Protein backbone atom coordinates (compact mmCIF):
# COMPACT_ATOMS: atom_id res chain seq x y z
CA MET A 1 7.58 -9.74 -13.97
CA LYS A 2 4.58 -8.71 -15.61
CA GLU A 3 3.43 -4.71 -15.05
CA PRO A 4 0.86 -4.45 -12.24
CA GLN A 5 -2.53 -6.00 -12.79
CA ALA A 6 -5.43 -6.49 -10.59
CA PRO A 7 -6.40 -9.77 -10.35
CA THR A 8 -9.98 -9.84 -11.35
CA ALA A 9 -11.57 -11.68 -8.12
CA ALA A 10 -9.01 -9.87 -5.76
CA PRO A 11 -8.61 -6.12 -6.14
CA VAL A 12 -8.85 -5.60 -2.44
CA VAL A 13 -5.79 -5.21 -0.83
CA PRO A 14 -5.50 -5.51 3.23
CA CYS A 15 -2.13 -3.95 4.71
CA LEU A 16 -1.13 -4.82 7.90
CA GLU A 17 1.41 -2.62 10.31
CA VAL A 18 4.09 -4.49 11.66
CA HIS A 19 6.54 -4.00 14.80
CA GLU A 20 9.25 -6.13 16.09
CA GLY A 21 7.66 -8.94 14.14
CA ARG A 22 4.05 -8.39 15.43
CA THR A 23 1.34 -5.93 14.18
CA THR A 24 0.88 -2.87 15.88
CA GLU A 25 -2.66 -3.67 17.30
CA PRO A 26 -4.25 -6.79 18.14
CA SER A 27 -6.63 -8.30 15.09
CA GLY A 28 -10.66 -8.51 16.19
CA ILE A 29 -10.97 -11.19 13.26
CA PRO A 30 -12.75 -13.90 14.66
CA GLY A 31 -11.25 -17.10 15.16
CA LEU A 32 -7.61 -16.22 15.18
CA THR A 33 -5.07 -17.85 18.32
CA ASP A 34 -2.72 -15.05 18.30
CA PRO A 35 -4.01 -12.11 17.08
CA CYS A 36 -1.16 -10.10 16.58
CA ASP A 37 0.71 -12.89 14.43
CA PRO A 38 0.77 -11.38 11.08
CA VAL A 39 1.60 -14.59 9.60
CA MET A 40 -1.72 -16.32 11.11
CA ILE A 41 -3.77 -13.02 9.93
CA CYS A 42 -2.07 -13.65 6.28
CA ARG A 43 -3.14 -17.06 5.92
CA HIS A 44 -6.51 -15.76 7.09
CA TYR A 45 -6.56 -13.49 4.31
CA ARG A 46 -5.75 -16.06 1.78
CA ARG A 47 -8.66 -18.09 3.08
CA GLN A 48 -10.79 -15.62 2.07
CA GLY A 49 -9.33 -15.17 -1.63
CA VAL A 50 -6.62 -12.48 -1.01
CA GLN A 51 -4.39 -12.27 -3.91
CA THR A 52 -1.94 -8.99 -2.75
CA ILE A 53 -0.75 -8.06 0.77
CA MET A 54 0.97 -5.32 1.70
CA LEU A 55 3.22 -5.29 5.25
CA ASP A 56 3.93 -1.60 6.05
CA ILE A 57 7.01 -2.43 8.36
CA LEU A 58 7.98 0.23 11.18
CA ASP A 59 11.36 -1.23 12.38
CA ASP A 60 14.49 0.67 11.44
CA TRP A 61 17.05 -0.69 9.31
CA ASP A 62 19.06 -1.89 11.80
CA ARG A 63 16.69 -4.84 12.38
CA HIS A 64 16.61 -5.85 8.87
CA GLU A 65 17.54 -9.27 9.54
CA ARG A 66 14.22 -10.09 11.89
CA PHE A 67 11.68 -8.46 9.04
CA VAL A 68 13.80 -10.23 6.33
CA ARG A 69 12.65 -13.11 7.76
CA LEU A 70 9.01 -11.93 8.15
CA ILE A 71 8.83 -11.17 4.25
CA LYS A 72 9.89 -14.61 3.87
CA ARG A 73 7.32 -16.29 5.69
CA VAL A 74 4.76 -13.85 4.16
CA ALA A 75 5.79 -14.22 0.69
CA ASP A 76 5.48 -18.21 0.82
CA LEU A 77 1.69 -17.45 1.70
CA VAL A 78 0.63 -14.85 -0.87
CA PRO A 79 1.11 -14.80 -4.65
CA THR A 80 1.86 -10.49 -4.25
CA LEU A 81 3.48 -9.04 -1.50
CA TRP A 82 4.08 -5.48 -1.35
CA VAL A 83 6.54 -4.29 1.23
CA ALA A 84 7.18 -0.81 2.70
CA VAL A 85 9.79 -0.25 5.50
CA ALA A 86 10.53 2.25 7.94
CA THR A 87 8.00 4.92 6.47
CA GLY A 88 8.76 4.21 2.81
CA PHE A 89 12.28 4.52 3.36
CA ALA A 90 15.24 2.97 1.64
CA PRO A 91 18.86 3.60 2.55
CA SER A 92 20.63 2.32 -0.57
CA LEU A 93 20.08 -0.09 -3.60
CA ARG A 94 21.13 -2.93 -1.61
CA ALA A 95 18.93 -2.47 1.01
CA ALA A 96 16.31 -2.73 -1.50
CA GLY A 97 17.67 -5.47 -3.41
CA ALA A 98 17.45 -7.33 0.27
CA LEU A 99 13.52 -6.96 0.49
CA LEU A 100 13.17 -8.21 -3.10
CA GLY A 101 15.32 -11.38 -2.76
CA ALA A 102 13.77 -11.96 0.59
CA GLY A 103 10.09 -12.26 -1.34
CA ALA A 104 8.93 -8.79 -1.62
CA ASP A 105 7.10 -8.56 -5.30
CA MET A 106 7.17 -4.39 -4.86
CA ILE A 107 8.72 -2.24 -2.54
CA GLY A 108 7.02 0.90 -1.31
CA LEU A 109 8.77 4.17 -1.53
CA SER A 110 8.03 7.33 -0.06
CA THR A 111 10.11 9.14 2.20
CA THR A 112 13.24 8.16 -0.08
CA SER A 113 11.40 9.46 -2.90
CA VAL A 114 11.71 12.61 -1.59
CA GLU A 115 15.34 12.60 0.77
CA ASN A 116 17.22 10.77 -1.63
CA PRO A 117 15.32 10.34 -4.79
CA GLN A 118 18.54 8.84 -6.63
CA VAL A 119 18.16 5.38 -4.50
CA MET A 120 14.53 5.22 -6.47
CA ARG A 121 15.71 6.20 -9.81
CA GLU A 122 18.84 3.43 -9.21
CA VAL A 123 16.23 0.76 -7.79
CA ALA A 124 13.58 1.18 -10.82
CA ASP A 125 17.10 0.86 -13.10
CA ARG A 126 18.11 -2.14 -11.69
CA HIS A 127 15.01 -4.34 -10.79
CA GLY A 128 12.36 -2.72 -12.90
CA SER A 129 9.40 0.17 -12.69
CA GLU A 130 6.88 -2.94 -12.02
CA ARG A 131 9.06 -3.42 -8.62
CA VAL A 132 8.76 -0.27 -7.38
CA LEU A 133 5.54 1.35 -5.93
CA GLY A 134 5.53 4.94 -5.56
CA MET A 135 3.90 5.89 -1.87
CA MET A 136 2.73 9.06 -0.75
CA ASP A 137 0.85 10.84 2.16
CA VAL A 138 -1.28 13.70 1.39
CA ARG A 139 -3.64 16.09 2.94
CA ARG A 140 -5.87 18.45 1.76
CA VAL A 141 -4.82 22.22 1.66
CA GLY A 142 -7.51 24.08 -0.31
CA PRO A 143 -9.95 22.99 -3.09
CA GLY A 144 -8.49 20.85 -5.40
CA ARG A 145 -4.96 21.12 -3.70
CA TRP A 146 -3.27 18.36 -1.69
CA ASN A 147 0.50 18.48 -0.11
CA VAL A 148 2.77 15.65 0.74
CA PHE A 149 4.03 14.58 4.05
CA ILE A 150 6.88 12.12 4.52
CA ARG A 151 8.06 9.71 7.37
CA GLY A 152 4.78 8.37 8.02
CA GLY A 153 2.73 11.62 7.73
CA THR A 154 4.54 13.59 10.34
CA LYS A 155 6.89 15.88 8.33
CA ARG A 156 5.04 17.94 5.65
CA THR A 157 7.04 19.10 2.58
CA GLY A 158 5.14 21.55 0.75
CA LEU A 159 5.10 19.74 -2.01
CA ASP A 160 1.95 19.25 -4.52
CA ALA A 161 0.88 16.11 -4.43
CA ILE A 162 -0.41 16.21 -7.82
CA THR A 163 2.68 17.23 -9.39
CA TRP A 164 4.91 14.71 -7.26
CA ALA A 165 3.09 12.18 -8.48
CA ASP A 166 4.30 12.75 -11.75
CA ILE A 167 7.68 13.11 -10.61
CA LEU A 168 7.26 9.71 -8.94
CA VAL A 169 6.50 7.89 -12.26
CA GLU A 170 9.63 9.71 -13.45
CA LEU A 171 11.62 8.00 -10.86
CA GLY A 172 10.48 5.05 -11.81
CA ALA A 173 7.46 3.93 -10.30
CA GLY A 174 5.10 1.72 -11.97
CA LEU A 175 2.43 1.60 -9.74
CA LEU A 176 0.90 4.55 -7.16
CA LEU A 177 -0.32 4.57 -3.89
CA PRO A 178 -1.46 8.13 -2.81
CA ASN A 179 -3.00 7.84 0.53
CA SER A 180 -4.99 10.28 2.32
CA LEU A 181 -4.04 10.81 5.84
CA ASP A 182 -7.59 13.05 6.03
CA GLY A 183 -9.29 9.97 4.87
CA GLU A 184 -7.62 7.54 7.46
CA GLU A 185 -8.45 9.76 10.17
CA GLY A 186 -12.10 9.89 9.28
CA GLY A 187 -13.00 6.44 7.80
CA GLU A 188 -15.78 8.29 5.59
CA GLY A 189 -14.33 6.98 2.11
CA TYR A 190 -11.23 7.47 0.14
CA ASP A 191 -10.64 11.19 -1.30
CA ILE A 192 -12.45 10.50 -4.63
CA ASP A 193 -11.13 14.07 -5.86
CA LEU A 194 -7.37 13.00 -5.05
CA TYR A 195 -7.76 10.31 -7.46
CA GLN A 196 -9.48 11.61 -10.54
CA ALA A 197 -7.01 14.63 -9.83
CA ILE A 198 -3.99 12.77 -10.41
CA ALA A 199 -5.73 10.41 -13.41
CA ASP A 200 -5.70 13.57 -15.13
CA THR A 201 -2.23 13.61 -14.78
CA VAL A 202 -0.43 10.72 -14.88
CA GLN A 203 -1.56 7.26 -17.00
CA THR A 204 0.17 4.75 -14.25
CA PRO A 205 -1.97 2.49 -12.54
CA LEU A 206 -3.34 3.78 -9.21
CA ILE A 207 -4.28 1.99 -5.50
CA VAL A 208 -6.69 4.20 -3.51
CA GLY A 209 -5.94 4.21 -0.27
CA GLY A 210 -6.78 5.90 3.13
CA GLY A 211 -10.52 5.69 4.37
CA ALA A 212 -11.92 2.84 3.36
CA SER A 213 -14.34 1.17 6.16
CA THR A 214 -17.47 -0.47 4.37
CA PRO A 215 -17.67 -2.32 0.94
CA GLU A 216 -19.15 0.66 -0.56
CA HIS A 217 -16.58 2.97 -0.23
CA LEU A 218 -14.09 0.07 -1.86
CA TYR A 219 -16.64 0.40 -4.94
CA ASP A 220 -16.77 4.04 -5.40
CA GLY A 221 -12.71 3.75 -4.93
CA LEU A 222 -12.08 0.85 -7.60
CA ARG A 223 -14.63 2.46 -10.01
CA GLN A 224 -12.23 5.53 -10.68
CA PRO A 225 -9.74 5.99 -13.64
CA HIS A 226 -6.83 3.94 -13.64
CA VAL A 227 -7.37 2.47 -10.42
CA LEU A 228 -6.92 -1.25 -9.94
CA PHE A 229 -6.39 -1.69 -5.94
CA ALA A 230 -7.91 -0.42 -3.23
CA ALA A 231 -5.88 -0.78 0.20
CA VAL A 232 -7.64 -1.30 3.65
CA ALA A 233 -6.25 -1.38 6.74
CA LYS A 234 -8.44 -0.50 10.23
CA ALA A 235 -11.57 -1.92 8.58
CA THR A 236 -10.40 -5.47 7.95
CA HIS A 237 -7.89 -5.77 10.71
CA SER A 238 -10.47 -5.23 13.30
CA GLY A 239 -12.70 -7.50 11.66
CA ALA A 240 -15.61 -4.97 11.21
CA MET A 241 -15.62 -5.92 7.42
CA SER A 242 -14.13 -9.60 5.91
CA ILE A 243 -12.58 -9.51 2.98
CA THR A 244 -15.25 -12.08 1.81
CA GLN A 245 -17.93 -9.40 2.36
CA ALA A 246 -15.97 -6.96 0.26
CA HIS A 247 -15.51 -9.34 -2.66
CA ASP A 248 -19.14 -10.46 -2.58
CA TYR A 249 -20.21 -6.94 -2.77
CA LEU A 250 -17.83 -5.95 -5.59
CA HIS A 251 -18.92 -8.98 -7.37
CA GLU A 252 -23.00 -8.13 -7.07
CA ARG A 253 -21.91 -4.96 -8.63
CA GLY A 254 -19.39 -6.27 -11.19
CA LEU A 255 -16.19 -4.82 -10.46
CA VAL A 256 -14.77 -8.52 -10.10
């Protein structure tokens, strides 16, 4: 598998939060006969030119048979699929391999990277760093300072996010997704300072995440150093912004 590269025409990555095979909130995208069916939503995104989708699966690992079936169905629809399970947790190398075997191109690890970093290292050693997405939920704690949170943003670790980005790369991440919890709550754009600070520390490709609600926010994020992709969730899932609208805006400004 090649190193992560943004498709020239499709750097926007819609993220779907899924529990027990259904999206956690109904989608507001017009024309869906079942607004909680992740497969139907993914088909809609593909028709709008999406090349990469991320599934954020909230189920515990004891429900793995169900979500593995979902991964296989979505993997058949999209060229590239990223998957995170149980807030970025994988209990073992074997469990991570099951996601990859089901069709995930990359697996997102965040809680595991803090609580059991050896598993993350083993996944990268066995399957390659190009299949490991280093994720971290972060909050700003002062001027130019951010802390890492795990377990879906509910548990503060006290770890410095900029330092942790470098450690994630050492553990084997081939792509980094620092997700701003402040941005998610505000919806006023990505935390640009965060990505600039990380880009000054690591050379690994980045995904901006947390806070995008307009095409302008996507544009601002994608212009930052080392950023290949822009993750978006609520804005596209609610139907407030379409992927077509986002891509048209970026194309007009020469980014796609």
